[in-house]
C-alpha cells in the first residue's frame, strides 16, 4: 500500500500518517519525492487490514490518495520509488548517468596475477575490480578459491589502485568476513534464493550485487532483492547473467537482454549485465556487452585475466587485456548514442 501526500503536506501531517501505521504494527517507509512525499507499508496486508487502513488514512489531513501495490515485491518496485536508485560506493556511482564497468578475473589466484589484472582494469578506465575468493564450483575437485587469503589480496590490490572491489559470499556465516574486506557483496546465481544469505547480506549494510538464478522469473528475482531490502539495506544491484539455454552447444547460457528494459520499467534498482557468464565464450563477450549498453543496462561485469590459458577457473570466457581495452573503447564510442558516459 502507498499513501501519496498532498503537495506541500507538512511534516506534522506526514508524521501523523506514519504514527497511525506504526500503531497498527507496521513500519512505514517514508519516500520523499519531487514536490510531494509518499509513505509505503512494506508488508502483506489482508483484505480487512487494507480496507480499514485505507479508509482511515484517506480522511487524514494532507493525504492526497491511497493506492494498492500491484506486485508481490514492494520495496524494489517503481510504485514505491519512482526515481532510479543510485548507489554510491566510495567515489563510484552505480545507476546514474555513468555506465559502470566491473572487470577482473573469475578467481583471485595469487597476488601477482590479481595485481596484473587490476592494473589493466585501472588503465582501461574501469572503476570496479572483481574476483572470487570463494568459488562455488560444479566439481568438488575444481579450484575452490583462496578464501580469506584471497580477500586480503583483493583488498590490498584494490586499495593500491583505488578501485572499488566486489566478491561473492556463499553463505550467511561468510557475510561478516567478506564485508570486512570487500566493498560490494555479490550473491551468485546459485544463491539467489538462499534466503538466510540474503538476510545476512541485507543486515551487513554493504551494497549487494544480486545475480539472477538461471531459471528465475522476474518476480522471483525481485522478491530475492526484497529479502535484502527488507533488512533496511536498499543498496541492491540486479545482475542478468544468463538463463538456461535450450541449446547449450554454442553458448554457456542465454544472456536475456530482454529482461533489462523490463527490470528498468518495474524496478528502480540498477541493472548490470554479465556477458561473460551469459555466453561463456570470450569471443562473444564484447558484442553482448555493447548490446547490454544499448538495451539500457547501467553497467557490465566482464571477466578479464592476464593470461586466460592459465586461469584456474572460467578461462574460456575471460578476455585478454588487449580485448578488454578494446571493449572499453567500444563502450566509450557507443555511450553518446545512449546519453551516458563510461
Protein backbone atom coordinates (compact mmCIF):
# COMPACT_ATOMS: atom_id res chain seq x y z
CA UNK A 1 0.00 0.00 0.00
CA UNK A 2 1.21 3.51 -0.82
CA UNK A 3 -0.09 6.74 0.68
CA UNK A 4 0.60 9.76 -1.52
CA UNK A 5 0.65 13.01 0.41
CA UNK A 6 -0.56 16.29 -0.99
CA UNK A 7 1.89 18.77 -2.45
CA UNK A 8 3.02 20.91 0.46
CA UNK A 9 1.94 18.47 3.17
CA UNK A 10 3.55 19.46 6.46
CA UNK A 11 6.00 17.39 8.46
CA UNK A 12 3.38 17.08 11.18
CA UNK A 13 0.84 15.66 8.71
CA UNK A 14 3.37 13.18 7.36
CA UNK A 15 4.31 12.09 10.88
CA UNK A 16 0.65 11.70 11.83
CA UNK A 17 0.17 9.19 8.99
CA UNK A 18 3.40 7.38 9.90
CA UNK A 19 2.31 7.16 13.55
CA UNK A 20 -1.08 5.76 12.54
CA UNK A 21 0.69 3.00 10.60
CA UNK A 22 3.09 2.22 13.47
CA UNK A 23 0.21 1.98 15.92
CA UNK A 24 -1.17 -0.87 13.80
CA UNK A 25 2.05 -2.86 13.97
CA UNK A 26 3.64 -1.89 10.64
CA UNK A 27 6.77 0.12 9.93
CA UNK A 28 6.13 2.94 7.42
CA UNK A 29 8.59 3.68 4.65
CA UNK A 30 8.91 7.43 4.07
CA UNK A 31 9.67 8.18 0.43
CA UNK A 32 10.43 11.85 -0.24
CA UNK A 33 9.90 12.84 -3.86
CA UNK A 34 9.88 15.87 -6.07
CA UNK A 35 7.21 18.13 -4.64
CA UNK A 36 5.43 15.54 -2.51
CA UNK A 37 6.06 12.65 -0.14
CA UNK A 38 4.80 9.09 -0.38
CA UNK A 39 4.55 6.65 2.52
CA UNK A 40 4.69 2.93 1.90
CA UNK A 41 3.72 -0.05 4.02
CA UNK A 42 6.25 -2.75 3.04
CA UNK A 43 4.20 -5.69 4.29
CA UNK A 44 1.45 -8.00 3.12
CA UNK A 45 -1.96 -6.88 4.33
CA UNK A 46 -5.13 -8.94 4.34
CA UNK A 47 -8.34 -7.50 2.85
CA UNK A 48 -9.71 -6.27 6.18
CA UNK A 49 -6.44 -4.53 7.06
CA UNK A 50 -6.22 -2.87 3.66
CA UNK A 51 -9.82 -1.65 3.81
CA UNK A 52 -9.53 -0.36 7.36
CA UNK A 53 -6.20 1.39 6.92
CA UNK A 54 -7.14 2.91 3.56
CA UNK A 55 -10.46 4.27 4.88
CA UNK A 56 -8.88 5.87 7.94
CA UNK A 57 -5.82 7.30 6.24
CA UNK A 58 -7.81 8.71 3.31
CA UNK A 59 -9.61 11.01 5.75
CA UNK A 60 -6.42 12.33 7.36
CA UNK A 61 -5.16 15.85 6.70
CA UNK A 62 -2.54 16.18 4.00
CA UNK A 63 -3.33 12.87 2.28
CA UNK A 64 -3.92 13.00 -1.48
CA UNK A 65 -4.73 9.35 -2.20
CA UNK A 66 -4.15 5.77 -1.10
CA UNK A 67 -3.20 3.17 -3.72
CA UNK A 68 -2.52 -0.56 -3.63
CA UNK A 69 0.69 -2.09 -4.95
CA UNK A 70 0.12 -4.47 -7.86
CA UNK A 71 3.19 -6.67 -7.44
CA UNK A 72 4.33 -9.12 -4.75
CA UNK A 73 7.60 -7.21 -4.37
CA UNK A 74 7.20 -3.85 -2.63
CA UNK A 75 10.45 -2.07 -1.83
CA UNK A 76 12.02 -2.94 -5.18
CA UNK A 77 9.06 -1.64 -7.20
CA UNK A 78 8.58 1.59 -9.13
CA UNK A 79 5.35 2.02 -7.19
CA UNK A 80 7.38 2.59 -4.05
CA UNK A 81 10.08 4.67 -5.65
CA UNK A 82 9.71 6.43 -8.99
CA UNK A 83 13.26 7.75 -9.25
CA UNK A 84 16.15 5.48 -10.20
CA UNK A 85 18.23 4.34 -7.25
CA UNK A 86 21.83 5.49 -7.49
CA UNK A 87 24.25 3.57 -5.29
CA UNK A 88 27.45 5.33 -4.27
CA UNK A 89 30.41 3.16 -3.34
CA UNK A 90 33.40 5.33 -2.46
CA UNK A 91 33.62 7.69 -5.45
CA UNK A 92 31.77 5.38 -7.88
CA UNK A 93 28.07 5.85 -8.63
CA UNK A 94 26.06 2.90 -9.95
CA UNK A 95 22.72 3.58 -11.57
CA UNK A 96 23.38 7.18 -12.55
CA UNK A 97 24.42 8.68 -15.87
CA UNK A 98 27.73 6.83 -15.95
CA UNK A 99 27.89 3.33 -17.43
CA UNK A 100 29.89 1.28 -14.93
CA UNK A 101 32.32 -1.48 -15.91
CA UNK A 102 33.36 -4.17 -13.44
CA UNK A 103 36.39 -6.13 -14.62
CA UNK A 104 38.79 -8.74 -13.37
CA UNK A 105 39.42 -12.47 -13.23
CA UNK A 106 36.97 -15.13 -12.14
CA UNK A 107 39.25 -16.10 -9.24
CA UNK A 108 41.93 -14.44 -7.17
CA UNK A 109 44.77 -16.88 -7.82
CA UNK A 110 47.80 -15.02 -6.45
CA UNK A 111 48.91 -11.52 -5.58
CA UNK A 112 50.86 -11.11 -8.82
CA UNK A 113 48.01 -12.36 -11.01
CA UNK A 114 45.44 -10.11 -9.34
CA UNK A 115 47.74 -7.08 -9.34
CA UNK A 116 48.33 -7.51 -13.08
CA UNK A 117 44.57 -7.72 -13.71
CA UNK A 118 43.90 -4.64 -11.57
CA UNK A 119 46.49 -2.64 -13.50
CA UNK A 120 44.62 -3.37 -16.74
CA UNK A 121 41.24 -2.52 -15.18
CA UNK A 122 42.57 0.79 -13.86
CA UNK A 123 44.46 1.71 -17.04
CA UNK A 124 41.41 0.98 -19.18
CA UNK A 125 39.17 3.33 -17.21
CA UNK A 126 37.00 0.74 -15.44
CA UNK A 127 36.25 1.50 -11.80
CA UNK A 128 35.28 -1.77 -10.09
CA UNK A 129 37.58 -4.76 -9.61
CA UNK A 130 36.01 -8.22 -9.47
CA UNK A 131 37.48 -11.51 -8.36
CA UNK A 132 36.39 -14.60 -6.46
CA UNK A 133 37.91 -15.63 -3.14
CA UNK A 134 35.32 -18.36 -2.59
CA UNK A 135 34.38 -20.26 -5.75
CA UNK A 136 31.23 -22.39 -5.88
CA UNK A 137 32.23 -24.98 -8.48
CA UNK A 138 30.24 -27.79 -10.03
CA UNK A 139 33.00 -30.26 -9.22
CA UNK A 140 34.44 -30.56 -5.70
CA UNK A 141 37.82 -31.25 -7.31
CA UNK A 142 37.97 -27.87 -9.08
CA UNK A 143 39.79 -24.85 -7.68
CA UNK A 144 37.70 -23.51 -4.78
CA UNK A 145 39.44 -20.17 -4.25
CA UNK A 146 41.96 -18.83 -1.74
CA UNK A 147 39.31 -17.97 0.87
CA UNK A 148 40.41 -15.29 3.35
CA UNK A 149 43.85 -15.03 1.78
CA UNK A 150 42.12 -14.13 -1.48
CA UNK A 151 40.06 -11.48 0.29
CA UNK A 152 43.20 -9.96 1.77
CA UNK A 153 44.84 -9.84 -1.66
CA UNK A 154 41.71 -8.22 -3.14
CA UNK A 155 41.62 -5.50 -0.50
CA UNK A 156 45.33 -4.75 -0.75
CA UNK A 157 45.29 -4.57 -4.55
CA UNK A 158 42.02 -2.63 -4.64
CA UNK A 159 43.41 -0.04 -2.24
CA UNK A 160 46.65 0.21 -4.21
CA UNK A 161 44.86 1.06 -7.46
CA UNK A 162 41.95 3.00 -5.95
CA UNK A 163 39.35 0.55 -7.26
CA UNK A 164 36.07 -0.49 -5.69
CA UNK A 165 36.06 -4.27 -5.05
CA UNK A 166 33.35 -6.89 -5.39
CA UNK A 167 33.39 -10.58 -4.45
CA UNK A 168 30.95 -13.35 -3.61
CA UNK A 169 29.69 -14.61 -0.27
CA UNK A 170 28.33 -18.15 -0.43
CA UNK A 171 26.55 -18.46 2.90
CA UNK A 172 25.17 -16.29 5.65
CA UNK A 173 28.03 -17.00 8.04
CA UNK A 174 30.52 -15.84 5.39
CA UNK A 175 28.99 -12.36 5.12
CA UNK A 176 30.88 -10.68 8.01
CA UNK A 177 34.21 -11.95 6.66
CA UNK A 178 33.50 -10.84 3.09
CA UNK A 179 32.14 -7.49 4.29
CA UNK A 180 35.35 -6.93 6.25
CA UNK A 181 37.45 -6.86 3.07
CA UNK A 182 35.20 -6.12 0.06
CA UNK A 183 33.23 -3.01 -0.87
CA UNK A 184 30.33 -4.89 -2.53
CA UNK A 185 28.94 -8.30 -1.60
CA UNK A 186 28.00 -10.47 -4.56
CA UNK A 187 25.23 -13.07 -4.33
CA UNK A 188 25.84 -15.69 -7.00
CA UNK A 189 23.20 -17.13 -9.29
CA UNK A 190 23.18 -20.43 -7.39
CA UNK A 191 22.45 -18.50 -4.19
CA UNK A 192 19.72 -16.17 -5.45
CA UNK A 193 17.13 -17.91 -3.28
CA UNK A 194 19.41 -18.69 -0.35
CA UNK A 195 17.19 -16.62 1.92
CA UNK A 196 19.36 -16.77 5.08
CA UNK A 197 22.26 -15.46 2.97
CA UNK A 198 20.12 -12.66 1.53
CA UNK A 199 19.01 -11.64 5.01
CA UNK A 200 22.57 -11.54 6.35
CA UNK A 201 23.77 -9.59 3.30
CA UNK A 202 20.99 -7.10 3.97
CA UNK A 203 21.98 -6.78 7.62
CA UNK A 204 25.60 -6.11 6.66
CA UNK A 205 24.74 -2.67 5.30
CA UNK A 206 27.13 -3.25 2.39
CA UNK A 207 25.93 -2.76 -1.22
CA UNK A 208 24.65 -6.08 -2.57
CA UNK A 209 25.11 -7.33 -6.15
CA UNK A 210 22.38 -9.91 -6.78
CA UNK A 211 22.71 -12.29 -9.71
CA UNK A 212 19.63 -13.78 -11.34
CA UNK A 213 19.21 -17.53 -10.98
CA UNK A 214 19.46 -19.49 -14.25
CA UNK A 215 15.74 -20.29 -14.29
CA UNK A 216 14.33 -17.41 -12.23
CA UNK A 217 11.43 -15.28 -13.41
CA UNK A 218 11.16 -11.53 -12.91
CA UNK A 219 9.00 -11.76 -9.78
CA UNK A 220 11.29 -14.37 -8.20
CA UNK A 221 14.32 -12.19 -8.96
CA UNK A 222 12.81 -9.04 -7.48
CA UNK A 223 11.48 -10.89 -4.45
CA UNK A 224 15.04 -12.06 -3.77
CA UNK A 225 16.08 -8.39 -3.83
CA UNK A 226 13.18 -7.72 -1.45
CA UNK A 227 14.75 -10.04 1.14
CA UNK A 228 17.85 -7.83 1.20
CA UNK A 229 15.92 -4.57 1.17
CA UNK A 230 13.57 -5.72 3.91
CA UNK A 231 16.58 -5.59 6.27
CA UNK A 232 16.83 -1.84 5.68
CA UNK A 233 19.54 -2.14 3.02
CA UNK A 234 18.29 -0.58 -0.21
CA UNK A 235 21.67 -0.58 -1.96
CA UNK A 236 20.93 -3.53 -4.24
CA UNK A 237 22.06 -4.07 -7.84
CA UNK A 238 20.35 -6.59 -10.11
CA UNK A 239 22.55 -8.65 -12.44
CA UNK A 240 21.36 -10.51 -15.52
CA UNK A 241 23.95 -13.26 -16.07
CA UNK A 242 22.19 -15.62 -18.44
CA UNK A 243 19.39 -18.14 -18.17
CA UNK A 244 19.34 -21.83 -19.04
CA UNK A 245 19.97 -22.42 -22.73
CA UNK A 246 17.71 -24.54 -24.92
CA UNK A 247 20.80 -25.48 -26.92
CA UNK A 248 24.00 -25.21 -24.88
CA UNK A 249 26.23 -26.42 -27.70
CA UNK A 250 27.41 -22.93 -28.64
CA UNK A 251 26.97 -20.79 -25.52
CA UNK A 252 27.03 -21.49 -21.80
CA UNK A 253 23.74 -19.65 -21.15
CA UNK A 254 21.35 -17.29 -22.92
CA UNK A 255 22.03 -13.69 -21.95
CA UNK A 256 18.47 -12.41 -21.56
CA UNK A 257 18.86 -8.76 -22.51
CA UNK A 258 15.09 -8.54 -22.87
CA UNK A 259 14.85 -8.50 -19.09
CA UNK A 260 16.91 -5.30 -18.87
CA UNK A 261 14.15 -2.88 -20.02
CA UNK A 262 11.59 -4.97 -18.12
CA UNK A 263 13.52 -4.55 -14.86
CA UNK A 264 14.04 -0.86 -15.57
CA UNK A 265 10.29 -0.43 -16.04
CA UNK A 266 9.14 -2.28 -12.93
CA UNK A 267 12.03 -1.61 -10.54
CA UNK A 268 14.11 1.42 -9.58
CA UNK A 269 17.23 -0.66 -8.82
CA UNK A 270 20.36 -0.51 -11.03
CA UNK A 271 20.65 -3.29 -13.62
CA UNK A 272 24.01 -4.81 -14.60
CA UNK A 273 24.63 -7.40 -17.33
CA UNK A 274 27.24 -10.16 -17.18
CA UNK A 275 28.07 -11.16 -20.77
CA UNK A 276 30.91 -13.42 -19.60
CA UNK A 277 28.68 -15.91 -17.80
CA UNK A 278 25.87 -15.08 -20.19
CA UNK A 279 27.78 -16.51 -23.15
CA UNK A 280 30.64 -18.49 -21.63
CA UNK A 281 32.70 -17.77 -24.74
CA UNK A 282 35.25 -14.95 -24.72
CA UNK A 283 34.82 -14.03 -28.40
CA UNK A 284 31.11 -13.28 -27.85
CA UNK A 285 31.53 -11.14 -24.75
CA UNK A 286 32.46 -7.90 -26.48
CA UNK A 287 29.37 -7.89 -28.71
CA UNK A 288 26.98 -8.72 -25.87
CA UNK A 289 28.49 -6.10 -23.57
CA UNK A 290 27.78 -3.44 -26.19
CA UNK A 291 24.29 -4.81 -26.70
CA UNK A 292 23.69 -4.56 -22.95
CA UNK A 293 24.57 -0.87 -23.00
CA UNK A 294 22.12 -0.23 -25.85
CA UNK A 295 19.44 -2.26 -24.06
CA UNK A 296 19.62 0.17 -21.13
CA UNK A 297 21.80 -1.62 -18.59
CA UNK A 298 23.61 0.54 -16.05
CA UNK A 299 26.85 -1.38 -16.48
CA UNK A 300 28.51 -4.69 -17.24
CA UNK A 301 30.59 -7.20 -15.30
CA UNK A 302 33.29 -8.68 -17.53
CA UNK A 303 35.86 -11.35 -16.79
CA UNK A 304 39.40 -10.48 -17.82
CA UNK A 305 42.54 -12.45 -16.99
CA UNK A 306 46.19 -11.55 -17.67
CA UNK A 307 46.59 -15.00 -19.25
CA UNK A 308 43.27 -16.85 -19.69
CA UNK A 309 45.00 -20.04 -20.84
CA UNK A 310 46.48 -20.37 -17.35
CA UNK A 311 43.31 -19.37 -15.46
CA UNK A 312 42.26 -21.73 -12.67
CA UNK A 313 38.57 -21.11 -13.42
CA UNK A 314 36.47 -19.91 -16.39
CA UNK A 315 39.41 -19.16 -18.65
CA UNK A 316 37.29 -19.82 -21.74
CA UNK A 317 35.12 -16.77 -21.10
CA UNK A 318 37.82 -14.37 -19.90
CA UNK A 319 39.04 -11.58 -22.16
CA UNK A 320 42.73 -10.97 -22.64
CA UNK A 321 43.90 -7.49 -21.55
CA UNK A 322 44.04 -6.03 -25.08
CA UNK A 323 40.49 -7.14 -25.84
CA UNK A 324 39.29 -5.67 -22.55
CA UNK A 325 40.86 -2.35 -23.53
CA UNK A 326 39.20 -2.58 -26.94
CA UNK A 327 35.85 -3.21 -25.26
CA UNK A 328 36.26 -0.12 -23.08
CA UNK A 329 36.93 1.94 -26.21
CA UNK A 330 33.87 0.40 -27.90
CA UNK A 331 31.68 1.37 -24.95
CA UNK A 332 33.00 4.93 -24.96
CA UNK A 333 32.17 5.16 -28.64
CA UNK A 334 28.61 3.96 -28.03
CA UNK A 335 27.99 5.97 -24.88
CA UNK A 336 26.98 9.13 -26.73
CA UNK A 337 24.17 7.30 -28.50
CA UNK A 338 22.59 6.26 -25.20
CA UNK A 339 23.24 9.53 -23.38
CA UNK A 340 25.80 8.20 -20.92
CA UNK A 341 29.49 8.32 -20.18
CA UNK A 342 31.83 5.41 -19.35
